């Protein structure tokens, strides 16, 4: 029997900072923007392509899935750049932070930061840390997927109670966060990794692509629980 229990914990949500209001028709040669970001983080970038932003990646990135995005800002002729590399740089620290919160109720779990859509102020460079942003940048947004192996005996009410305690802890910390929690079978859990997320969601959460249709049995405010117990 496959068990999948999903909750979405949404707290103090702010819009993703895609930088759309920062875009301009002013375009500089790619090298200027890329060089600025390379120096900011002491990294080397390979340019993948350009549209309204420059798409790059580093050697350690999975270039098919992970990119550095650079936006050119023109404020009355003053050119600056915004990028999303900081969120990639600190993702493991952020994931450990979220996992620590969940470990009080679920000792075993795996956390993946979901996207890198934030463009933090330029003072968050190679010398800044996740704690710097979390404690000093009020708009810092945490969006994570949490996967928990089902232990074979939890009831729906027990899982709801555990998740309620976690939600209270997240609220106590006054976080800007949206956390998607999935309690799944041990078999599925063993197959999960950072680069299989798209396949996971396609197979299990997109009925039009052959996934599972879920029964919505509980909905209150911004917390949504979905469950499917299929043999």
C-alpha atoms as a PDB file:
ATOM      1  CA  UNK A   1       0.000   0.000   0.000  1.00  0.00           C
ATOM      2  CA  UNK A   2       1.383   3.354  -0.986  1.00  0.00           C
ATOM      3  CA  UNK A   3       0.823   6.160   1.453  1.00  0.00           C
ATOM      4  CA  UNK A   4       1.040   9.774   0.434  1.00  0.00           C
ATOM      5  CA  UNK A   5       0.076  12.569   2.760  1.00  0.00           C
ATOM      6  CA  UNK A   6       0.679  16.142   1.725  1.00  0.00           C
ATOM      7  CA  UNK A   7       0.420  19.369   3.615  1.00  0.00           C
ATOM      8  CA  UNK A   8       1.194  22.868   2.485  1.00  0.00           C
ATOM      9  CA  UNK A   9       2.251  25.157   5.301  1.00  0.00           C
ATOM     10  CA  UNK A  10       2.043  28.768   4.161  1.00  0.00           C
ATOM     11  CA  UNK A  11       3.188  31.438   6.567  1.00  0.00           C
ATOM     12  CA  UNK A  12       3.525  35.182   6.026  1.00  0.00           C
ATOM     13  CA  UNK A  13       3.744  34.641   2.307  1.00  0.00           C
ATOM     14  CA  UNK A  14       5.220  37.371   0.167  1.00  0.00           C
ATOM     15  CA  UNK A  15       5.366  37.340  -3.651  1.00  0.00           C
ATOM     16  CA  UNK A  16       8.372  35.756  -5.298  1.00  0.00           C
ATOM     17  CA  UNK A  17      10.863  38.391  -6.308  1.00  0.00           C
ATOM     18  CA  UNK A  18      11.138  37.616  -9.975  1.00  0.00           C
ATOM     19  CA  UNK A  19      12.478  41.085 -10.631  1.00  0.00           C
ATOM     20  CA  UNK A  20       9.888  41.829 -13.284  1.00  0.00           C
ATOM     21  CA  UNK A  21       9.608  45.419 -12.160  1.00  0.00           C
ATOM     22  CA  UNK A  22      13.369  45.762 -12.501  1.00  0.00           C
ATOM     23  CA  UNK A  23      13.624  44.752 -16.146  1.00  0.00           C
ATOM     24  CA  UNK A  24      14.428  47.339 -18.741  1.00  0.00           C
ATOM     25  CA  UNK A  25      15.118  47.482 -22.445  1.00  0.00           C
ATOM     26  CA  UNK A  26      18.666  48.583 -21.667  1.00  0.00           C
ATOM     27  CA  UNK A  27      21.011  45.736 -22.567  1.00  0.00           C
ATOM     28  CA  UNK A  28      24.735  45.525 -21.934  1.00  0.00           C
ATOM     29  CA  UNK A  29      27.046  42.898 -23.389  1.00  0.00           C
ATOM     30  CA  UNK A  30      26.618  39.654 -21.456  1.00  0.00           C
ATOM     31  CA  UNK A  31      30.208  39.736 -20.256  1.00  0.00           C
ATOM     32  CA  UNK A  32      29.697  42.831 -18.097  1.00  0.00           C
ATOM     33  CA  UNK A  33      26.870  41.303 -16.099  1.00  0.00           C
ATOM     34  CA  UNK A  34      28.448  37.867 -15.892  1.00  0.00           C
ATOM     35  CA  UNK A  35      31.796  39.280 -14.796  1.00  0.00           C
ATOM     36  CA  UNK A  36      30.124  41.291 -12.034  1.00  0.00           C
ATOM     37  CA  UNK A  37      28.395  38.212 -10.623  1.00  0.00           C
ATOM     38  CA  UNK A  38      31.543  36.099 -10.930  1.00  0.00           C
ATOM     39  CA  UNK A  39      33.481  38.655  -8.898  1.00  0.00           C
ATOM     40  CA  UNK A  40      30.650  38.991  -6.369  1.00  0.00           C
ATOM     41  CA  UNK A  41      30.734  35.296  -5.484  1.00  0.00           C
ATOM     42  CA  UNK A  42      34.221  34.289  -6.649  1.00  0.00           C
ATOM     43  CA  UNK A  43      32.805  31.772  -9.120  1.00  0.00           C
ATOM     44  CA  UNK A  44      33.121  30.972 -12.828  1.00  0.00           C
ATOM     45  CA  UNK A  45      29.994  31.022 -14.964  1.00  0.00           C
ATOM     46  CA  UNK A  46      29.122  29.554 -18.339  1.00  0.00           C
ATOM     47  CA  UNK A  47      26.407  31.415 -20.231  1.00  0.00           C
ATOM     48  CA  UNK A  48      23.547  29.215 -21.383  1.00  0.00           C
ATOM     49  CA  UNK A  49      21.385  31.837 -23.098  1.00  0.00           C
ATOM     50  CA  UNK A  50      19.678  35.199 -22.804  1.00  0.00           C
ATOM     51  CA  UNK A  51      16.144  36.552 -22.970  1.00  0.00           C
ATOM     52  CA  UNK A  52      15.016  39.254 -20.534  1.00  0.00           C
ATOM     53  CA  UNK A  53      17.783  37.948 -18.288  1.00  0.00           C
ATOM     54  CA  UNK A  54      21.044  36.055 -18.652  1.00  0.00           C
ATOM     55  CA  UNK A  55      20.990  32.346 -17.853  1.00  0.00           C
ATOM     56  CA  UNK A  56      24.268  30.879 -16.591  1.00  0.00           C
ATOM     57  CA  UNK A  57      25.528  27.924 -14.635  1.00  0.00           C
ATOM     58  CA  UNK A  58      28.609  26.850 -12.725  1.00  0.00           C
ATOM     59  CA  UNK A  59      30.453  23.565 -13.199  1.00  0.00           C
ATOM     60  CA  UNK A  60      28.911  22.024 -10.077  1.00  0.00           C
ATOM     61  CA  UNK A  61      25.376  22.812 -11.162  1.00  0.00           C
ATOM     62  CA  UNK A  62      23.168  20.383 -13.043  1.00  0.00           C
ATOM     63  CA  UNK A  63      22.971  22.657 -16.056  1.00  0.00           C
ATOM     64  CA  UNK A  64      19.696  21.135 -17.293  1.00  0.00           C
ATOM     65  CA  UNK A  65      17.900  22.049 -14.065  1.00  0.00           C
ATOM     66  CA  UNK A  66      19.862  24.717 -12.198  1.00  0.00           C
ATOM     67  CA  UNK A  67      20.750  28.159 -13.421  1.00  0.00           C
ATOM     68  CA  UNK A  68      22.064  31.463 -12.254  1.00  0.00           C
ATOM     69  CA  UNK A  69      19.739  34.168 -13.525  1.00  0.00           C
ATOM     70  CA  UNK A  70      21.082  37.708 -13.930  1.00  0.00           C
ATOM     71  CA  UNK A  71      18.897  40.753 -14.472  1.00  0.00           C
ATOM     72  CA  UNK A  72      20.127  44.143 -15.692  1.00  0.00           C
ATOM     73  CA  UNK A  73      18.624  47.139 -13.865  1.00  0.00           C
ATOM     74  CA  UNK A  74      18.725  50.632 -15.327  1.00  0.00           C
ATOM     75  CA  UNK A  75      17.798  53.325 -12.803  1.00  0.00           C
ATOM     76  CA  UNK A  76      18.146  56.662 -14.568  1.00  0.00           C
ATOM     77  CA  UNK A  77      21.272  55.510 -16.330  1.00  0.00           C
ATOM     78  CA  UNK A  78      22.796  53.806 -13.279  1.00  0.00           C
ATOM     79  CA  UNK A  79      23.346  50.171 -14.166  1.00  0.00           C
ATOM     80  CA  UNK A  80      23.218  47.461 -11.531  1.00  0.00           C
ATOM     81  CA  UNK A  81      22.663  43.719 -11.640  1.00  0.00           C
ATOM     82  CA  UNK A  82      20.466  41.350  -9.679  1.00  0.00           C
ATOM     83  CA  UNK A  83      21.040  37.611  -9.459  1.00  0.00           C
ATOM     84  CA  UNK A  84      19.650  34.562  -7.706  1.00  0.00           C
ATOM     85  CA  UNK A  85      22.913  32.729  -6.957  1.00  0.00           C
ATOM     86  CA  UNK A  86      22.819  33.432  -3.216  1.00  0.00           C
ATOM     87  CA  UNK A  87      19.830  31.111  -2.730  1.00  0.00           C
ATOM     88  CA  UNK A  88      21.689  28.339  -4.525  1.00  0.00           C
ATOM     89  CA  UNK A  89      24.827  29.027  -2.500  1.00  0.00           C
ATOM     90  CA  UNK A  90      23.082  28.661   0.873  1.00  0.00           C
ATOM     91  CA  UNK A  91      20.495  26.046  -0.045  1.00  0.00           C
ATOM     92  CA  UNK A  92      22.037  23.253   2.037  1.00  0.00           C
ATOM     93  CA  UNK A  93      22.082  25.466   5.129  1.00  0.00           C
ATOM     94  CA  UNK A  94      18.461  26.447   4.524  1.00  0.00           C
ATOM     95  CA  UNK A  95      17.471  22.828   4.038  1.00  0.00           C
ATOM     96  CA  UNK A  96      19.209  21.849   7.276  1.00  0.00           C
ATOM     97  CA  UNK A  97      17.368  24.654   9.068  1.00  0.00           C
ATOM     98  CA  UNK A  98      13.964  23.416   7.880  1.00  0.00           C
ATOM     99  CA  UNK A  99      14.873  19.805   8.573  1.00  0.00           C
ATOM    100  CA  UNK A 100      15.812  20.694  12.135  1.00  0.00           C
ATOM    101  CA  UNK A 101      12.324  22.128  12.671  1.00  0.00           C
ATOM    102  CA  UNK A 102      10.653  18.992  11.323  1.00  0.00           C
ATOM    103  CA  UNK A 103      12.949  16.606  13.218  1.00  0.00           C
ATOM    104  CA  UNK A 104      11.136  17.335  16.489  1.00  0.00           C
ATOM    105  CA  UNK A 105       8.115  15.409  15.190  1.00  0.00           C
ATOM    106  CA  UNK A 106       9.605  13.493  12.272  1.00  0.00           C
ATOM    107  CA  UNK A 107      13.161  12.320  13.111  1.00  0.00           C
ATOM    108  CA  UNK A 108      13.677  11.125   9.529  1.00  0.00           C
ATOM    109  CA  UNK A 109      13.050  13.515   6.660  1.00  0.00           C
ATOM    110  CA  UNK A 110      14.679  15.004   3.579  1.00  0.00           C
ATOM    111  CA  UNK A 111      14.357  18.665   2.595  1.00  0.00           C
ATOM    112  CA  UNK A 112      14.957  20.293  -0.783  1.00  0.00           C
ATOM    113  CA  UNK A 113      14.764  23.996  -1.491  1.00  0.00           C
ATOM    114  CA  UNK A 114      12.315  24.253  -4.318  1.00  0.00           C
ATOM    115  CA  UNK A 115      13.408  27.212  -6.494  1.00  0.00           C
ATOM    116  CA  UNK A 116      15.929  30.004  -6.760  1.00  0.00           C
ATOM    117  CA  UNK A 117      13.658  32.919  -7.642  1.00  0.00           C
ATOM    118  CA  UNK A 118      14.892  35.457  -5.115  1.00  0.00           C
ATOM    119  CA  UNK A 119      17.140  38.360  -5.972  1.00  0.00           C
ATOM    120  CA  UNK A 120      18.631  39.568  -2.704  1.00  0.00           C
ATOM    121  CA  UNK A 121      20.389  42.924  -2.223  1.00  0.00           C
ATOM    122  CA  UNK A 122      23.949  42.903  -3.499  1.00  0.00           C
ATOM    123  CA  UNK A 123      25.481  42.930  -0.011  1.00  0.00           C
ATOM    124  CA  UNK A 124      24.605  39.239   0.148  1.00  0.00           C
ATOM    125  CA  UNK A 125      27.727  38.023  -1.597  1.00  0.00           C
ATOM    126  CA  UNK A 126      30.269  35.229  -1.180  1.00  0.00           C
ATOM    127  CA  UNK A 127      30.922  36.302   2.425  1.00  0.00           C
ATOM    128  CA  UNK A 128      27.286  36.304   3.525  1.00  0.00           C
ATOM    129  CA  UNK A 129      25.563  33.320   5.106  1.00  0.00           C
ATOM    130  CA  UNK A 130      22.068  31.904   5.277  1.00  0.00           C
ATOM    131  CA  UNK A 131      21.826  33.167   8.867  1.00  0.00           C
ATOM    132  CA  UNK A 132      22.730  36.674   7.681  1.00  0.00           C
ATOM    133  CA  UNK A 133      19.798  36.707   5.284  1.00  0.00           C
ATOM    134  CA  UNK A 134      17.396  34.955   7.635  1.00  0.00           C
ATOM    135  CA  UNK A 135      18.092  37.331  10.516  1.00  0.00           C
ATOM    136  CA  UNK A 136      18.656  40.594   8.667  1.00  0.00           C
ATOM    137  CA  UNK A 137      16.649  40.538   5.449  1.00  0.00           C
ATOM    138  CA  UNK A 138      12.964  40.693   6.337  1.00  0.00           C
ATOM    139  CA  UNK A 139      11.843  39.676   2.857  1.00  0.00           C
ATOM    140  CA  UNK A 140      13.897  36.483   2.770  1.00  0.00           C
ATOM    141  CA  UNK A 141      11.565  33.729   1.581  1.00  0.00           C
ATOM    142  CA  UNK A 142      11.880  30.031   2.364  1.00  0.00           C
ATOM    143  CA  UNK A 143      10.188  27.635  -0.037  1.00  0.00           C
ATOM    144  CA  UNK A 144      10.964  23.984   0.533  1.00  0.00           C
ATOM    145  CA  UNK A 145       9.759  20.469  -0.121  1.00  0.00           C
ATOM    146  CA  UNK A 146       9.888  18.130   2.877  1.00  0.00           C
ATOM    147  CA  UNK A 147       9.682  14.370   2.312  1.00  0.00           C
ATOM    148  CA  UNK A 148       8.930  12.060   5.243  1.00  0.00           C
ATOM    149  CA  UNK A 149       8.814   8.240   5.108  1.00  0.00           C
ATOM    150  CA  UNK A 150       5.540   6.801   6.367  1.00  0.00           C
ATOM    151  CA  UNK A 151       6.212   4.546   9.350  1.00  0.00           C
ATOM    152  CA  UNK A 152       3.342   2.172   8.683  1.00  0.00           C
ATOM    153  CA  UNK A 153       1.217   3.059  11.682  1.00  0.00           C
ATOM    154  CA  UNK A 154       0.497   6.794  11.683  1.00  0.00           C
ATOM    155  CA  UNK A 155      -3.135   7.719  11.380  1.00  0.00           C
ATOM    156  CA  UNK A 156      -4.322  10.807   9.553  1.00  0.00           C
ATOM    157  CA  UNK A 157      -5.144  12.521  12.850  1.00  0.00           C
ATOM    158  CA  UNK A 158      -1.692  11.747  14.239  1.00  0.00           C
ATOM    159  CA  UNK A 159      -0.003  13.240  11.185  1.00  0.00           C
ATOM    160  CA  UNK A 160      -2.230  16.305  11.371  1.00  0.00           C
ATOM    161  CA  UNK A 161      -1.342  16.780  15.040  1.00  0.00           C
ATOM    162  CA  UNK A 162       2.382  16.549  14.314  1.00  0.00           C
ATOM    163  CA  UNK A 163       2.125  19.001  11.441  1.00  0.00           C
ATOM    164  CA  UNK A 164       0.110  21.420  13.557  1.00  0.00           C
ATOM    165  CA  UNK A 165       2.953  21.526  16.101  1.00  0.00           C
ATOM    166  CA  UNK A 166       5.449  22.184  13.325  1.00  0.00           C
ATOM    167  CA  UNK A 167       3.287  24.937  11.884  1.00  0.00           C
ATOM    168  CA  UNK A 168       3.129  26.583  15.310  1.00  0.00           C
ATOM    169  CA  UNK A 169       6.925  26.486  15.538  1.00  0.00           C
ATOM    170  CA  UNK A 170       7.239  28.067  12.090  1.00  0.00           C
ATOM    171  CA  UNK A 171       4.829  30.803  13.120  1.00  0.00           C
ATOM    172  CA  UNK A 172       6.747  31.384  16.356  1.00  0.00           C
ATOM    173  CA  UNK A 173       9.870  31.995  14.316  1.00  0.00           C
ATOM    174  CA  UNK A 174       8.039  34.626  12.258  1.00  0.00           C
ATOM    175  CA  UNK A 175       9.273  33.228   8.958  1.00  0.00           C
ATOM    176  CA  UNK A 176       8.332  34.121   5.416  1.00  0.00           C
ATOM    177  CA  UNK A 177       7.840  30.544   4.310  1.00  0.00           C
ATOM    178  CA  UNK A 178       5.893  28.170   2.162  1.00  0.00           C
ATOM    179  CA  UNK A 179       6.688  24.543   2.917  1.00  0.00           C
ATOM    180  CA  UNK A 180       5.243  21.567   1.093  1.00  0.00           C
ATOM    181  CA  UNK A 181       5.309  18.426   3.226  1.00  0.00           C
ATOM    182  CA  UNK A 182       4.905  14.952   1.720  1.00  0.00           C
ATOM    183  CA  UNK A 183       4.543  11.824   3.839  1.00  0.00           C
ATOM    184  CA  UNK A 184       5.242   9.023   1.377  1.00  0.00           C
ATOM    185  CA  UNK A 185       5.945   5.315   1.357  1.00  0.00           C
ATOM    186  CA  UNK A 186       9.409   4.122   2.291  1.00  0.00           C
ATOM    187  CA  UNK A 187       9.784   2.825  -1.246  1.00  0.00           C
ATOM    188  CA  UNK A 188       9.136   6.242  -2.759  1.00  0.00           C
ATOM    189  CA  UNK A 189      11.264   7.900  -0.089  1.00  0.00           C
ATOM    190  CA  UNK A 190      14.252   5.742  -0.968  1.00  0.00           C
ATOM    191  CA  UNK A 191      13.952   6.800  -4.609  1.00  0.00           C
ATOM    192  CA  UNK A 192      13.820  10.545  -3.971  1.00  0.00           C
ATOM    193  CA  UNK A 193      16.733  12.833  -4.706  1.00  0.00           C
ATOM    194  CA  UNK A 194      17.133  16.469  -5.644  1.00  0.00           C
ATOM    195  CA  UNK A 195      17.079  15.805  -9.367  1.00  0.00           C
ATOM    196  CA  UNK A 196      14.111  13.436  -9.460  1.00  0.00           C
ATOM    197  CA  UNK A 197      11.599  15.983  -8.149  1.00  0.00           C
ATOM    198  CA  UNK A 198      10.135  16.812 -11.557  1.00  0.00           C
ATOM    199  CA  UNK A 199       9.594  13.139 -12.284  1.00  0.00           C
ATOM    200  CA  UNK A 200       8.070  12.608  -8.852  1.00  0.00           C
ATOM    201  CA  UNK A 201       5.501  15.365  -9.327  1.00  0.00           C
ATOM    202  CA  UNK A 202       4.736  14.291 -12.880  1.00  0.00           C
ATOM    203  CA  UNK A 203       4.078  10.690 -11.842  1.00  0.00           C
ATOM    204  CA  UNK A 204       2.175  11.336  -8.634  1.00  0.00           C
ATOM    205  CA  UNK A 205       0.646  14.796  -8.769  1.00  0.00           C
ATOM    206  CA  UNK A 206      -0.363  15.381 -12.383  1.00  0.00           C
ATOM    207  CA  UNK A 207      -3.336  13.181 -13.235  1.00  0.00           C
ATOM    208  CA  UNK A 208      -3.319  14.421 -16.809  1.00  0.00           C
ATOM    209  CA  UNK A 209       0.172  12.909 -17.114  1.00  0.00           C
ATOM    210  CA  UNK A 210      -0.846   9.608 -15.613  1.00  0.00           C
ATOM    211  CA  UNK A 211      -0.506  10.561 -11.973  1.00  0.00           C
ATOM    212  CA  UNK A 212      -2.846   9.957  -9.063  1.00  0.00           C
ATOM    213  CA  UNK A 213      -6.130  11.770  -8.503  1.00  0.00           C
ATOM    214  CA  UNK A 214      -6.202  12.917  -4.890  1.00  0.00           C
ATOM    215  CA  UNK A 215      -9.144  13.232  -2.586  1.00  0.00           C
ATOM    216  CA  UNK A 216      -9.204  16.544  -0.783  1.00  0.00           C
ATOM    217  CA  UNK A 217     -10.496  15.771   2.674  1.00  0.00           C
ATOM    218  CA  UNK A 218      -9.361  18.715   4.772  1.00  0.00           C
ATOM    219  CA  UNK A 219      -8.988  22.387   4.009  1.00  0.00           C
ATOM    220  CA  UNK A 220      -8.663  25.210   6.494  1.00  0.00           C
ATOM    221  CA  UNK A 221      -7.233  28.673   5.930  1.00  0.00           C
ATOM    222  CA  UNK A 222      -3.895  28.259   4.151  1.00  0.00           C
ATOM    223  CA  UNK A 223      -3.217  24.695   5.266  1.00  0.00           C
ATOM    224  CA  UNK A 224      -4.279  22.045   2.813  1.00  0.00           C
ATOM    225  CA  UNK A 225      -4.063  18.316   3.431  1.00  0.00           C
ATOM    226  CA  UNK A 226      -4.426  15.843   0.588  1.00  0.00           C
ATOM    227  CA  UNK A 227      -4.315  12.101   0.987  1.00  0.00           C
ATOM    228  CA  UNK A 228      -4.317   9.037  -1.189  1.00  0.00           C
ATOM    229  CA  UNK A 229      -4.037   5.482   0.137  1.00  0.00           C
ATOM    230  CA  UNK A 230      -3.892   3.296  -2.971  1.00  0.00           C
ATOM    231  CA  UNK A 231      -3.159  -0.417  -2.930  1.00  0.00           C
END
